[in-house]
Amino acid sequence: MLNHFKLFSLTTAALFTSFGFKATVMASANQDNWKEAKSIYDFSAKTLDGQEVSLEKYKGHVTIIVNVASECGYTKNHYDELNELYEEYSKTKGLRILGFPCNQFGGQEPGDSVTICSFITQRNVKFDMFEKVDVNGDNAHPLWKYLKHMQGGTLGDFIKWNFTKFVIDKNGQPVARFGPNVSPKELIATLEDYW
């Protein structure tokens, strides 16, 4: 019976692969592999238009990874300051910012990718934005599981609210974590330690 199940599983995987579902099958299989990751470069994520991007793209760059929301009390200030940081330091210092929309806190990111894209266009966001993800729970994106593991928070590793920010060094290592109440500009002193 076990051999029949194995054969069925292999056949199903082969069938899915032949129809272009390879990425989905691999993503499911790798859901727990975050524990083996050596850096953020071991992960990939989908952009708002659905393109899978390897985070190796950010090798050699100091990076901020942040969970964002369109309807949060922190939205205006954080988006404005993240934009300012990106404008000021992306060319001179190589700063990269990765925004991950998340609807797990007060339902403050309810829209789909099209709605989020329209919102960030209106805000003139220049930094990289990714598809909406969960950052807590069993379905959290593996990158976020890794980030929380590497940089635990106060009173537990879970993300407490929108706009939690992780600073990543040029080797892809999470080196600092900041809560939503810390404005992006307050990260400059920490960023300077890694440029």
Protein backbone atom coordinates (compact mmCIF):
# COMPACT_ATOMS: atom_id res chain seq x y z
CA MET A 1 0.00 0.00 0.00
CA LEU A 2 2.80 2.41 0.90
CA ASN A 3 4.53 1.81 -2.45
CA HIS A 4 1.29 2.61 -4.29
CA PHE A 5 1.00 5.86 -2.32
CA LYS A 6 4.61 6.79 -3.13
CA LEU A 7 4.03 6.03 -6.81
CA PHE A 8 0.84 8.12 -6.77
CA SER A 9 2.68 11.03 -5.12
CA LEU A 10 5.54 10.92 -7.62
CA THR A 11 3.13 10.66 -10.55
CA THR A 12 1.06 13.56 -9.22
CA ALA A 13 4.17 15.70 -8.74
CA ALA A 14 5.32 14.87 -12.28
CA LEU A 15 1.88 15.75 -13.65
CA PHE A 16 1.80 19.07 -11.79
CA THR A 17 5.32 19.88 -12.99
CA SER A 18 4.43 19.18 -16.60
CA PHE A 19 1.55 21.65 -16.35
CA GLY A 20 3.69 24.44 -14.91
CA PHE A 21 2.90 23.97 -11.22
CA LYS A 22 6.48 23.22 -10.24
CA ALA A 23 6.93 26.42 -8.23
CA THR A 24 3.79 25.73 -6.18
CA VAL A 25 4.80 22.15 -5.42
CA MET A 26 8.32 23.25 -4.45
CA ALA A 27 7.02 26.09 -2.29
CA SER A 28 4.83 23.67 -0.33
CA ALA A 29 7.67 21.20 0.09
CA ASN A 30 10.03 23.93 1.26
CA GLN A 31 7.64 25.52 3.77
CA ASP A 32 9.70 24.27 6.73
CA ASN A 33 13.13 24.62 5.12
CA TRP A 34 13.44 28.13 6.54
CA LYS A 35 15.12 26.51 9.54
CA GLU A 36 18.04 25.51 7.31
CA ALA A 37 18.46 28.93 5.69
CA LYS A 38 21.85 30.62 6.03
CA SER A 39 20.65 34.10 4.96
CA ILE A 40 17.71 35.86 3.34
CA TYR A 41 19.27 34.89 0.01
CA ASP A 42 17.91 31.36 0.48
CA PHE A 43 14.37 32.70 -0.03
CA SER A 44 12.27 33.98 -2.88
CA ALA A 45 9.05 35.97 -2.91
CA LYS A 46 6.47 37.04 -5.47
CA THR A 47 6.17 40.65 -6.59
CA LEU A 48 2.78 42.35 -6.81
CA ASP A 49 2.53 41.23 -10.44
CA GLY A 50 3.17 37.61 -9.49
CA GLN A 51 6.82 37.29 -10.57
CA GLU A 52 8.94 35.00 -8.37
CA VAL A 53 12.11 36.85 -7.31
CA SER A 54 15.12 35.30 -5.60
CA LEU A 55 16.30 37.47 -2.73
CA GLU A 56 19.84 36.86 -4.01
CA LYS A 57 19.00 39.96 -6.05
CA TYR A 58 19.80 41.94 -2.89
CA LYS A 59 23.23 40.45 -2.24
CA GLY A 60 25.74 43.09 -1.17
CA HIS A 61 23.03 45.59 -0.18
CA VAL A 62 21.95 46.71 3.26
CA THR A 63 18.21 46.05 3.23
CA ILE A 64 15.11 46.91 5.23
CA ILE A 65 12.30 44.35 5.18
CA VAL A 66 8.97 45.65 6.47
CA ASN A 67 5.36 44.46 6.67
CA VAL A 68 3.13 47.24 5.35
CA ALA A 69 -0.57 48.12 5.35
CA SER A 70 -2.59 50.73 3.46
CA GLU A 71 -5.09 51.63 6.19
CA CYS A 72 -2.99 51.77 9.37
CA GLY A 73 -2.43 54.78 11.60
CA TYR A 74 1.29 54.40 10.82
CA THR A 75 0.77 54.23 7.03
CA LYS A 76 1.34 57.85 5.98
CA ASN A 77 4.39 58.53 8.14
CA HIS A 78 6.05 55.18 7.47
CA TYR A 79 5.52 55.20 3.71
CA ASP A 80 6.72 58.82 3.51
CA GLU A 81 9.88 58.10 5.53
CA LEU A 82 10.62 54.79 3.78
CA ASN A 83 10.37 56.66 0.47
CA GLU A 84 12.71 59.37 1.77
CA LEU A 85 15.25 56.80 2.97
CA TYR A 86 15.12 55.03 -0.38
CA GLU A 87 15.47 58.27 -2.34
CA GLU A 88 18.41 59.42 -0.23
CA TYR A 89 20.37 56.19 0.19
CA SER A 90 19.53 53.78 -2.63
CA LYS A 91 22.04 55.30 -5.05
CA THR A 92 24.65 56.59 -2.60
CA LYS A 93 24.70 53.65 -0.15
CA GLY A 94 22.91 50.88 -2.06
CA LEU A 95 20.00 50.71 0.41
CA ARG A 96 17.17 48.39 -0.62
CA ILE A 97 13.70 48.28 0.94
CA LEU A 98 11.31 45.34 0.58
CA GLY A 99 7.67 45.93 1.47
CA PHE A 100 5.38 42.99 2.25
CA PRO A 101 1.69 43.88 2.53
CA CYS A 102 -0.07 41.97 5.31
CA ASN A 103 -3.72 41.91 6.39
CA GLN A 104 -3.23 40.17 9.74
CA PHE A 105 -3.47 43.29 11.92
CA GLY A 106 -6.90 44.88 12.16
CA GLY A 107 -7.70 43.97 8.54
CA GLN A 108 -5.77 47.07 7.46
CA GLU A 109 -4.54 45.68 4.11
CA PRO A 110 -7.81 44.25 2.69
CA GLY A 111 -7.13 44.84 -1.01
CA ASP A 112 -5.77 42.51 -3.66
CA SER A 113 -2.53 43.09 -5.58
CA VAL A 114 -4.23 45.45 -8.05
CA THR A 115 -5.61 47.61 -5.22
CA ILE A 116 -2.28 47.64 -3.40
CA CYS A 117 -0.46 48.53 -6.62
CA SER A 118 -2.83 51.45 -7.18
CA PHE A 119 -2.26 52.63 -3.60
CA ILE A 120 1.54 52.55 -3.81
CA THR A 121 1.46 54.27 -7.21
CA GLN A 122 -0.53 57.13 -5.66
CA ARG A 123 2.05 57.32 -2.87
CA ASN A 124 4.88 57.33 -5.45
CA VAL A 125 6.56 54.32 -3.81
CA LYS A 126 9.89 53.56 -5.46
CA PHE A 127 11.11 50.64 -3.34
CA ASP A 128 10.29 47.00 -4.08
CA MET A 129 6.88 45.67 -3.11
CA PHE A 130 5.80 42.05 -2.89
CA GLU A 131 2.55 40.11 -2.79
CA LYS A 132 0.47 40.16 0.35
CA VAL A 133 1.66 37.54 2.84
CA ASP A 134 1.01 36.29 6.35
CA VAL A 135 3.81 37.11 8.76
CA ASN A 136 2.46 35.11 11.72
CA GLY A 137 0.97 31.65 12.11
CA ASP A 138 1.36 28.38 10.26
CA ASN A 139 0.87 30.04 6.87
CA ALA A 140 3.47 32.75 7.44
CA HIS A 141 5.83 33.22 4.51
CA PRO A 142 9.04 31.22 5.21
CA LEU A 143 11.12 34.42 4.99
CA TRP A 144 9.13 35.90 7.86
CA LYS A 145 9.50 32.75 9.92
CA TYR A 146 13.25 33.06 9.41
CA LEU A 147 13.35 36.77 10.26
CA LYS A 148 11.42 36.25 13.50
CA HIS A 149 13.66 33.35 14.46
CA MET A 150 16.83 35.33 13.84
CA GLN A 151 15.65 38.56 15.48
CA GLY A 152 13.13 37.79 18.21
CA GLY A 153 10.88 40.50 19.55
CA THR A 154 9.90 41.74 22.99
CA LEU A 155 7.41 39.40 24.69
CA GLY A 156 7.76 36.81 21.93
CA ASP A 157 9.03 36.43 18.38
CA PHE A 158 5.68 37.02 16.67
CA ILE A 159 5.09 40.23 14.71
CA LYS A 160 2.97 42.55 16.87
CA TRP A 161 1.60 44.97 14.26
CA ASN A 162 2.04 46.60 10.85
CA PHE A 163 5.38 48.21 9.99
CA THR A 164 7.73 45.96 11.91
CA LYS A 165 11.13 46.55 10.33
CA PHE A 166 14.14 44.24 9.99
CA VAL A 167 17.59 45.53 9.00
CA ILE A 168 19.61 43.06 6.93
CA ASP A 169 23.37 43.44 6.43
CA LYS A 170 25.26 43.04 3.14
CA ASN A 171 25.67 39.32 3.80
CA GLY A 172 21.93 38.75 4.08
CA GLN A 173 21.96 38.45 7.89
CA PRO A 174 19.13 40.00 9.95
CA VAL A 175 20.99 42.27 12.38
CA ALA A 176 18.26 44.40 13.98
CA ARG A 177 14.50 44.54 14.49
CA PHE A 178 12.36 47.62 15.11
CA GLY A 179 8.71 47.86 16.12
CA PRO A 180 5.99 49.92 14.45
CA ASN A 181 6.45 52.78 16.94
CA VAL A 182 10.00 53.35 15.63
CA SER A 183 9.93 55.63 12.61
CA PRO A 184 11.99 54.58 9.58
CA LYS A 185 14.29 57.60 9.91
CA GLU A 186 15.29 56.37 13.36
CA LEU A 187 16.92 53.40 11.61
CA ILE A 188 19.62 55.58 10.04
CA ALA A 189 22.10 55.16 12.92
CA THR A 190 21.79 51.37 12.69
CA LEU A 191 22.03 51.40 8.89
CA GLU A 192 25.24 53.41 9.11
CA ASP A 193 26.87 50.59 11.08
CA TYR A 194 26.48 48.26 8.08
CA TRP A 195 27.17 50.46 5.02
